[in-house]
Protein backbone atom coordinates (compact mmCIF):
# COMPACT_ATOMS: atom_id res chain seq x y z
CA GLU A 1 -102.67 -22.90 94.22
CA ILE A 2 -99.25 -21.18 95.23
CA GLN A 3 -100.70 -17.47 95.98
CA ILE A 4 -103.19 -15.67 98.38
CA ASN A 5 -104.02 -12.69 97.19
CA GLU A 6 -105.76 -9.58 99.14
CA VAL A 7 -107.05 -6.73 96.87
CA LYS A 8 -108.03 -3.55 98.82
CA MET A 9 -110.59 -1.53 96.49
CA SER A 10 -110.03 2.05 95.89
CA GLN A 11 -112.72 4.69 96.73
CA ALA A 12 -113.17 7.80 95.72
CA VAL A 13 -111.55 11.04 97.50
CA ILE A 14 -113.00 14.21 97.96
CA LEU A 15 -110.85 16.75 96.83
CA LYS A 16 -111.44 20.84 97.16
CA ALA A 17 -111.16 22.19 93.48
CA GLU A 18 -111.40 25.81 92.36
CA LYS A 19 -111.19 26.77 88.23
CA ARG A 20 -108.57 28.68 87.28
CA THR A 21 -108.78 32.01 85.11
CA SER A 22 -105.19 33.05 85.39
CA LEU A 23 -103.09 30.81 83.35
CA GLY A 24 -99.85 31.09 82.18
CA SER A 25 -96.32 30.21 83.83
CA ARG A 26 -96.40 32.95 86.27
CA ASN A 27 -99.56 32.15 87.83
CA THR A 28 -99.00 28.55 88.09
CA ALA A 29 -95.84 29.16 89.89
CA LYS A 30 -97.89 31.22 92.48
CA ALA A 31 -100.46 28.51 92.75
CA ARG A 32 -97.91 25.98 93.73
CA ALA A 33 -96.24 28.52 96.03
CA ALA A 34 -99.41 28.78 97.59
CA GLY A 35 -99.86 24.73 98.06
CA LYS A 36 -102.16 24.31 95.00
CA MET A 37 -101.64 21.64 92.18
CA PRO A 38 -102.40 22.92 89.16
CA ALA A 39 -104.38 20.28 86.94
CA VAL A 40 -106.51 20.09 84.09
CA VAL A 41 -110.00 18.31 83.25
CA TYR A 42 -111.20 16.61 80.49
CA GLY A 43 -113.02 13.92 78.54
CA HIS A 44 -116.64 13.00 77.89
CA LYS A 45 -116.97 15.61 75.20
CA LYS A 46 -116.89 18.52 77.52
CA GLN A 47 -114.67 21.80 77.49
CA GLU A 48 -111.33 20.78 78.92
CA LEU A 49 -111.18 22.72 82.40
CA ALA A 50 -107.97 24.30 84.31
CA VAL A 51 -108.30 23.75 87.64
CA CYS A 52 -105.98 23.47 91.17
CA VAL A 53 -106.65 21.11 93.85
CA ASN A 54 -104.98 21.23 97.48
CA ALA A 55 -101.40 19.79 97.14
CA HIS A 56 -100.76 18.25 99.93
CA GLU A 57 -104.16 16.16 100.16
CA LEU A 58 -103.62 15.12 96.64
CA ASN A 59 -100.17 13.85 97.29
CA GLN A 60 -101.37 11.78 100.38
CA ALA A 61 -103.98 10.31 98.18
CA LEU A 62 -101.58 8.82 95.71
CA LYS A 63 -99.73 8.01 98.43
CA HIS A 64 -102.03 5.49 99.03
CA HIS A 65 -102.87 4.40 95.47
CA HIS A 66 -105.99 6.48 95.09
CA ARG A 67 -106.84 7.56 91.55
CA LEU A 68 -110.48 7.96 91.97
CA PHE A 69 -111.58 11.47 92.79
CA ASP A 70 -114.61 13.75 93.27
CA LEU A 71 -113.34 17.32 92.49
CA ASP A 72 -115.61 19.73 94.53
CA PHE A 73 -115.86 23.16 93.49
CA GLY A 74 -118.60 24.07 95.89
CA ASP A 75 -121.50 24.88 93.36
CA SER A 76 -120.53 21.52 91.32
CA LYS A 77 -118.76 18.06 91.35
CA GLU A 78 -116.58 16.24 88.68
CA THR A 79 -115.76 12.75 89.00
CA VAL A 80 -112.43 11.85 87.55
CA MET A 81 -109.57 9.68 87.75
CA VAL A 82 -105.79 10.28 87.34
CA LYS A 83 -104.73 10.17 83.89
CA GLU A 84 -101.17 11.52 83.78
CA VAL A 85 -98.92 12.96 86.09
CA GLN A 86 -95.79 15.60 85.31
CA TYR A 87 -92.99 15.30 87.48
CA ASN A 88 -90.03 17.57 87.94
CA PHE A 89 -86.66 17.23 86.53
CA LEU A 90 -85.58 15.36 89.31
CA GLY A 91 -88.50 12.96 89.32
CA ASP A 92 -89.44 13.66 93.28
CA SER A 93 -91.99 16.08 93.07
CA ILE A 94 -95.35 16.12 91.33
CA ILE A 95 -95.74 19.62 89.48
CA HIS A 96 -98.92 18.89 87.00
CA MET A 97 -101.73 16.50 86.97
CA ASP A 98 -104.19 15.45 83.98
CA PHE A 99 -107.61 14.23 85.24
CA ALA A 100 -109.97 12.22 83.33
CA ARG A 101 -113.67 12.73 83.65
CA VAL A 102 -115.32 9.56 84.36
CA ASP A 103 -118.62 7.85 85.41
CA ILE A 104 -118.17 5.40 88.25
CA HIS A 105 -119.53 2.66 86.17
CA GLU A 106 -117.70 3.44 83.35
CA LYS A 107 -115.17 0.38 82.45
CA VAL A 108 -111.53 2.23 82.54
CA HIS A 109 -107.81 0.50 82.07
CA VAL A 110 -105.43 1.01 84.68
CA HIS A 111 -102.15 -0.34 86.12
CA VAL A 112 -102.42 -1.61 89.51
CA GLU A 113 -99.48 -2.03 91.92
CA VAL A 114 -98.46 -5.65 92.87
CA ALA A 115 -97.21 -6.33 96.21
CA LEU A 116 -95.43 -9.86 97.11
CA LYS A 117 -96.32 -11.13 100.90
CA GLY A 118 -94.61 -13.53 102.81
CA THR A 119 -91.12 -15.41 102.43
CA ALA A 120 -91.02 -17.76 99.60
CA LYS A 121 -90.01 -21.34 100.58
CA GLY A 122 -87.79 -21.46 98.08
CA THR A 123 -85.61 -18.66 99.78
CA ASN A 124 -84.84 -21.47 102.33
CA GLU A 125 -83.70 -23.43 99.78
CA GLY A 126 -81.06 -21.43 98.81
CA GLY A 127 -83.26 -19.39 95.86
CA VAL A 128 -84.09 -15.63 95.79
CA LEU A 129 -87.22 -13.89 95.05
CA GLU A 130 -87.64 -11.91 92.12
CA GLN A 131 -90.25 -9.64 91.05
CA ARG A 132 -90.44 -9.08 87.69
CA ILE A 133 -93.07 -6.56 87.42
CA ASN A 134 -94.48 -3.93 89.15
CA ASP A 135 -98.20 -3.79 88.44
CA LEU A 136 -100.82 -5.46 86.19
CA GLU A 137 -103.13 -3.45 83.66
CA LEU A 138 -106.73 -4.32 84.16
CA GLU A 139 -110.06 -3.27 82.91
CA CYS A 140 -112.77 -2.44 85.57
CA GLU A 141 -115.35 -0.18 86.44
CA ALA A 142 -113.90 3.14 87.68
CA MET A 143 -115.77 2.59 90.88
CA SER A 144 -113.80 -0.87 91.54
CA ILE A 145 -110.42 0.00 90.65
CA PRO A 146 -108.25 -1.84 93.09
CA GLU A 147 -105.56 0.68 95.49
CA VAL A 148 -103.12 -2.29 95.37
CA ILE A 149 -102.90 -6.50 94.38
CA LYS A 150 -101.25 -8.23 97.33
CA VAL A 151 -99.92 -11.94 96.45
CA ASN A 152 -98.79 -14.29 98.96
CA VAL A 153 -95.54 -16.07 97.65
CA SER A 154 -94.81 -18.50 100.88
CA GLU A 155 -95.24 -21.60 98.52
CA LEU A 156 -93.37 -20.53 95.79
CA GLY A 157 -90.47 -23.06 95.56
CA ILE A 158 -87.40 -22.84 93.80
CA GLY A 159 -87.81 -23.00 89.90
CA GLN A 160 -91.50 -21.76 90.22
CA ILE A 161 -93.27 -18.54 88.41
CA LEU A 162 -95.70 -16.97 88.99
CA THR A 163 -97.72 -15.54 86.11
CA ALA A 164 -100.30 -12.86 85.47
CA GLY A 165 -102.45 -14.96 84.84
CA GLU A 166 -102.39 -17.13 88.20
CA VAL A 167 -103.05 -14.06 90.02
CA GLU A 168 -106.76 -13.71 91.25
CA LEU A 169 -108.40 -10.95 90.38
CA PRO A 170 -111.27 -8.84 92.11
CA ALA A 171 -114.90 -9.90 90.82
CA GLY A 172 -115.59 -7.79 87.65
CA SER A 173 -111.95 -7.32 86.87
CA LYS A 174 -110.54 -8.29 83.20
CA LEU A 175 -106.38 -8.68 83.06
CA ILE A 176 -105.27 -6.70 79.99
CA THR A 177 -101.90 -7.68 80.84
CA ASP A 178 -100.25 -10.75 78.81
CA PRO A 179 -101.32 -13.66 80.95
CA THR A 180 -97.76 -15.23 80.66
CA THR A 181 -96.13 -12.61 81.83
CA PRO A 182 -94.16 -13.52 84.96
CA VAL A 183 -94.98 -11.42 88.15
CA ALA A 184 -92.15 -13.42 90.52
CA ALA A 185 -89.77 -16.05 90.65
CA VAL A 186 -87.70 -18.16 92.83
CA VAL A 187 -84.38 -18.77 91.11
CA VAL A 188 -80.74 -19.91 92.17
CA VAL A 189 -78.03 -17.35 91.83
CA VAL A 190 -74.69 -19.10 90.86
CA ASP A 191 -71.90 -17.38 91.30
CA LYS A 192 -70.28 -16.56 87.79
CA GLU A 193 -66.80 -17.24 88.90
CA GLU A 194 -67.64 -20.48 90.98
CA SER A 195 -69.79 -21.48 87.50
CA ASP A 196 -66.79 -20.87 85.58
CA VAL A 197 -64.43 -22.98 87.28
CA ALA A 198 -66.71 -25.88 87.87
CA GLU A 199 -67.19 -25.84 84.02
CA GLY A 200 -63.55 -25.37 83.19
CA THR A 201 -64.27 -21.84 81.39
CA ALA A 202 -62.55 -20.08 83.93
CA GLU A 203 -60.23 -17.61 81.41
CA PRO A 204 -56.44 -17.32 82.35
CA GLU A 205 -54.91 -14.46 82.96
CA VAL A 206 -52.57 -13.40 80.23
CA ILE A 207 -49.57 -11.16 81.70
CA GLY A 208 -49.01 -7.96 79.43
CA ARG A 209 -52.32 -8.39 77.61
CA VAL A 210 -53.25 -5.02 77.81
CA ALA A 211 -49.72 -3.74 77.12
CA ASP A 212 -49.83 -5.48 73.83
CA GLU A 213 -53.19 -4.05 72.86
CA GLU A 214 -51.83 -0.64 73.58
CA GLY A 215 -49.02 -1.40 71.85
CA GLN A 216 -50.63 -2.36 68.77
CA GLU A 217 -52.99 1.00 68.77
């Protein structure tokens, strides 16, 4: 084994929510100014619902990789998962959310972040650790969505590749990502100029080439 995996499971986060009765861009802007995040809830053959949640609480939950929520409307609750996040034109602020209704035992497809841990032994031998993908697509129960999968790469040597199929997943999770997909690798980076000189392929400088080319235009 060249990796030890640590998986932290996501728990449903309770978010106080309210139903939106006044729609339109003006009312949406007012909601954002009041610290609320506009969102829609859909799925399970029920009517689409326009809602607002506390923007700060939502952002904090997303930073901790939570994606399963219990929306508390006071007189009722909806269990949902994040389906789509819409950002502003700068890409640095969330402006809208799509939530899909789920049952906690329902099988869902999710993308879970992969975080590499440790110092690959190959980096002490002149290699460079490369992370090839940032997440894995899994199928699992909604109540068992991992927050993040941490993979210890300390035993990864030069020339070794860790594939998606080698990553140990939590019980009940199924890998959807192609198992042959490289997740991390330790490679040797060779300076191109040094490589060209070593192979005798360095291209000699041709004085006047630019001038000649310009003269041909």
